[in-house]
């Protein structure tokens, strides 16, 4: 079982409920990208095509966390 990973995803489409996200591992490994369909409510930022999200899990974490790319807003 994979205990530590970082997935880098880009939202490729969405509607009011679901988003389609293309994920790559970081660093990139064999196999190419994967596609996931996610609930918009699981994405902790505004859902927009082209927005980058991250799914991160370390061996010390029980569950993976989803976060969004940092922006310059609020600086």
N, C-alpha and C. Protein backbone atom coordinates (compact mmCIF):
# COMPACT_ATOMS: atom_id res chain seq x y z
N UNK A 1 0.84 -1.18 0.00
CA UNK A 1 0.00 0.00 0.00
C UNK A 1 0.88 1.25 0.00
N UNK A 2 0.52 2.21 -0.83
CA UNK A 2 1.25 3.46 -0.94
C UNK A 2 0.99 4.31 0.31
N UNK A 3 2.05 4.67 1.03
CA UNK A 3 1.88 5.40 2.29
C UNK A 3 2.11 6.90 2.15
N UNK A 4 2.91 7.31 1.18
CA UNK A 4 3.20 8.73 0.99
C UNK A 4 3.10 9.06 -0.49
N UNK A 5 2.34 10.11 -0.83
CA UNK A 5 2.23 10.50 -2.23
C UNK A 5 1.75 11.94 -2.35
N UNK A 6 2.02 12.52 -3.51
CA UNK A 6 1.49 13.83 -3.90
C UNK A 6 0.93 13.67 -5.31
N UNK A 7 -0.35 13.97 -5.48
CA UNK A 7 -0.97 13.98 -6.79
C UNK A 7 -1.23 15.42 -7.17
N UNK A 8 -0.84 15.79 -8.36
CA UNK A 8 -1.08 17.13 -8.88
C UNK A 8 -2.20 17.03 -9.90
N UNK A 9 -3.30 17.72 -9.65
CA UNK A 9 -4.46 17.62 -10.53
C UNK A 9 -4.84 18.95 -11.14
N UNK A 10 -5.41 18.88 -12.33
CA UNK A 10 -5.94 20.06 -13.01
C UNK A 10 -7.40 19.78 -13.34
N UNK A 11 -8.28 20.69 -12.97
CA UNK A 11 -9.70 20.54 -13.28
C UNK A 11 -9.88 20.75 -14.78
N UNK A 12 -10.40 19.72 -15.45
CA UNK A 12 -10.57 19.82 -16.91
C UNK A 12 -12.01 20.11 -17.31
N UNK A 13 -12.97 19.83 -16.43
CA UNK A 13 -14.36 20.21 -16.67
C UNK A 13 -15.12 20.10 -15.36
N UNK A 14 -16.29 20.74 -15.32
CA UNK A 14 -17.11 20.66 -14.11
C UNK A 14 -18.54 21.07 -14.44
N UNK A 15 -19.45 20.67 -13.56
CA UNK A 15 -20.81 21.17 -13.59
C UNK A 15 -21.14 21.62 -12.18
N UNK A 16 -22.40 21.72 -11.83
CA UNK A 16 -22.78 22.22 -10.50
C UNK A 16 -22.42 21.25 -9.38
N UNK A 17 -22.22 19.96 -9.69
CA UNK A 17 -22.03 18.95 -8.66
C UNK A 17 -20.66 18.26 -8.75
N UNK A 18 -20.20 17.95 -9.95
CA UNK A 18 -19.01 17.14 -10.13
C UNK A 18 -17.94 17.85 -10.96
N UNK A 19 -16.69 17.48 -10.70
CA UNK A 19 -15.56 17.96 -11.50
C UNK A 19 -14.78 16.78 -12.03
N UNK A 20 -14.27 16.91 -13.25
CA UNK A 20 -13.34 15.93 -13.81
C UNK A 20 -11.95 16.50 -13.65
N UNK A 21 -11.07 15.71 -13.02
CA UNK A 21 -9.72 16.18 -12.71
C UNK A 21 -8.71 15.21 -13.31
N UNK A 22 -7.70 15.76 -13.99
CA UNK A 22 -6.60 14.94 -14.52
C UNK A 22 -5.45 15.02 -13.52
N UNK A 23 -5.05 13.86 -13.00
CA UNK A 23 -4.01 13.78 -11.98
C UNK A 23 -2.72 13.20 -12.54
N UNK A 24 -1.61 13.76 -12.08
CA UNK A 24 -0.28 13.22 -12.33
C UNK A 24 0.41 13.07 -10.99
N UNK A 25 1.29 12.10 -10.88
CA UNK A 25 2.07 11.98 -9.65
C UNK A 25 3.25 12.94 -9.72
N UNK A 26 3.76 13.29 -8.56
CA UNK A 26 4.91 14.18 -8.48
C UNK A 26 5.93 13.54 -7.57
N UNK A 27 7.06 13.08 -8.03
CA UNK A 27 7.55 13.20 -9.40
C UNK A 27 6.79 12.25 -10.34
N UNK A 28 6.83 12.56 -11.62
CA UNK A 28 6.13 11.75 -12.62
C UNK A 28 6.73 10.36 -12.68
N UNK A 29 5.87 9.36 -12.82
CA UNK A 29 6.31 7.97 -12.94
C UNK A 29 5.63 7.36 -14.15
N UNK A 30 5.98 6.14 -14.46
CA UNK A 30 5.38 5.44 -15.60
C UNK A 30 3.87 5.36 -15.46
N UNK A 31 3.19 5.36 -16.56
CA UNK A 31 1.74 5.17 -16.53
C UNK A 31 0.95 6.36 -16.99
N UNK A 32 1.52 7.53 -16.95
CA UNK A 32 0.81 8.72 -17.42
C UNK A 32 -0.26 9.19 -16.46
N UNK A 33 -1.07 10.15 -16.90
CA UNK A 33 -2.08 10.74 -16.03
C UNK A 33 -3.27 9.81 -15.78
N UNK A 34 -3.98 10.12 -14.71
CA UNK A 34 -5.22 9.41 -14.36
C UNK A 34 -6.34 10.44 -14.32
N UNK A 35 -7.56 10.00 -14.58
CA UNK A 35 -8.72 10.87 -14.54
C UNK A 35 -9.59 10.47 -13.36
N UNK A 36 -10.06 11.49 -12.62
CA UNK A 36 -10.96 11.24 -11.49
C UNK A 36 -12.17 12.15 -11.62
N UNK A 37 -13.30 11.66 -11.19
CA UNK A 37 -14.50 12.48 -11.08
C UNK A 37 -14.72 12.70 -9.59
N UNK A 38 -14.72 13.97 -9.19
CA UNK A 38 -14.79 14.32 -7.77
C UNK A 38 -16.00 15.21 -7.50
N UNK A 39 -16.54 15.09 -6.29
CA UNK A 39 -17.58 16.01 -5.84
C UNK A 39 -16.97 17.40 -5.71
N UNK A 40 -17.64 18.41 -6.20
CA UNK A 40 -17.14 19.78 -6.05
C UNK A 40 -16.96 20.15 -4.58
N UNK A 41 -17.80 19.59 -3.73
CA UNK A 41 -17.71 19.91 -2.30
C UNK A 41 -16.42 19.39 -1.67
N UNK A 42 -15.72 18.46 -2.33
CA UNK A 42 -14.44 17.95 -1.81
C UNK A 42 -13.27 18.86 -2.18
N UNK A 43 -13.51 19.81 -3.07
CA UNK A 43 -12.45 20.71 -3.52
C UNK A 43 -12.58 22.01 -2.73
N UNK A 44 -11.57 22.34 -1.89
CA UNK A 44 -11.71 23.46 -0.95
C UNK A 44 -11.41 24.84 -1.54
N UNK A 45 -11.77 25.06 -2.80
CA UNK A 45 -11.58 26.37 -3.42
C UNK A 45 -12.61 26.49 -4.53
N UNK A 46 -12.63 27.66 -5.17
CA UNK A 46 -13.55 27.84 -6.30
C UNK A 46 -13.20 26.85 -7.40
N UNK A 47 -14.21 26.17 -7.91
CA UNK A 47 -14.00 25.18 -8.97
C UNK A 47 -14.01 25.89 -10.31
N UNK A 48 -12.86 25.87 -10.99
CA UNK A 48 -12.71 26.51 -12.29
C UNK A 48 -11.86 25.63 -13.19
N UNK A 49 -12.19 25.58 -14.47
CA UNK A 49 -11.37 24.82 -15.42
C UNK A 49 -9.96 25.41 -15.41
N UNK A 50 -8.97 24.52 -15.34
CA UNK A 50 -7.57 24.93 -15.33
C UNK A 50 -6.99 25.13 -13.94
N UNK A 51 -7.84 25.15 -12.90
CA UNK A 51 -7.35 25.33 -11.54
C UNK A 51 -6.59 24.08 -11.11
N UNK A 52 -5.49 24.28 -10.40
CA UNK A 52 -4.64 23.18 -9.94
C UNK A 52 -5.00 22.82 -8.51
N UNK A 53 -5.13 21.51 -8.25
CA UNK A 53 -5.36 21.03 -6.88
C UNK A 53 -4.33 19.96 -6.56
N UNK A 54 -4.15 19.70 -5.28
CA UNK A 54 -3.17 18.71 -4.82
C UNK A 54 -3.85 17.75 -3.86
N UNK A 55 -3.52 16.48 -3.99
CA UNK A 55 -3.93 15.46 -3.02
C UNK A 55 -2.64 14.95 -2.40
N UNK A 56 -2.52 15.12 -1.08
CA UNK A 56 -1.27 14.83 -0.38
C UNK A 56 -1.54 13.87 0.77
N UNK A 57 -0.65 12.89 0.90
CA UNK A 57 -0.72 11.99 2.05
C UNK A 57 0.70 11.60 2.43
N UNK A 58 0.98 11.71 3.72
CA UNK A 58 2.25 11.22 4.24
C UNK A 58 1.95 10.01 5.11
N UNK A 59 2.98 9.24 5.40
CA UNK A 59 2.75 8.02 6.18
C UNK A 59 2.24 8.32 7.58
N UNK A 60 2.39 9.55 8.06
CA UNK A 60 1.91 9.90 9.40
C UNK A 60 0.45 10.36 9.39
N UNK A 61 -0.12 10.56 8.21
CA UNK A 61 -1.50 11.00 8.09
C UNK A 61 -2.42 9.80 7.91
N UNK A 62 -3.58 9.84 8.56
CA UNK A 62 -4.54 8.76 8.39
C UNK A 62 -5.22 8.83 7.03
N UNK A 63 -5.56 10.06 6.60
CA UNK A 63 -6.26 10.26 5.33
C UNK A 63 -5.52 11.31 4.51
N UNK A 64 -5.69 11.25 3.21
CA UNK A 64 -5.12 12.25 2.32
C UNK A 64 -5.89 13.57 2.47
N UNK A 65 -5.21 14.67 2.18
CA UNK A 65 -5.87 15.98 2.19
C UNK A 65 -5.85 16.58 0.79
N UNK A 66 -6.86 17.35 0.49
CA UNK A 66 -6.95 18.05 -0.79
C UNK A 66 -6.75 19.52 -0.52
N UNK A 67 -5.85 20.13 -1.28
CA UNK A 67 -5.63 21.57 -1.13
C UNK A 67 -5.56 22.19 -2.51
N UNK A 68 -5.58 23.52 -2.54
CA UNK A 68 -5.58 24.26 -3.79
C UNK A 68 -4.27 25.01 -3.96
N UNK A 69 -3.98 25.34 -5.20
CA UNK A 69 -2.80 26.11 -5.49
C UNK A 69 -2.90 27.47 -4.81
N UNK A 70 -1.81 27.91 -4.19
CA UNK A 70 -1.78 29.20 -3.53
C UNK A 70 -1.92 30.31 -4.56
N UNK A 71 -2.59 31.38 -4.16
CA UNK A 71 -2.75 32.54 -5.04
C UNK A 71 -2.15 33.75 -4.35
N UNK A 72 -2.01 34.83 -5.09
CA UNK A 72 -1.50 36.07 -4.53
C UNK A 72 -2.60 36.90 -3.88
N UNK A 73 -3.83 36.44 -3.93
CA UNK A 73 -4.92 37.17 -3.31
C UNK A 73 -4.72 37.25 -1.81
N UNK A 74 -5.06 38.35 -1.23
CA UNK A 74 -4.94 38.50 0.22
C UNK A 74 -3.57 38.96 0.67
N UNK A 75 -2.67 39.19 -0.26
CA UNK A 75 -1.33 39.67 0.14
C UNK A 75 -1.31 41.16 0.16
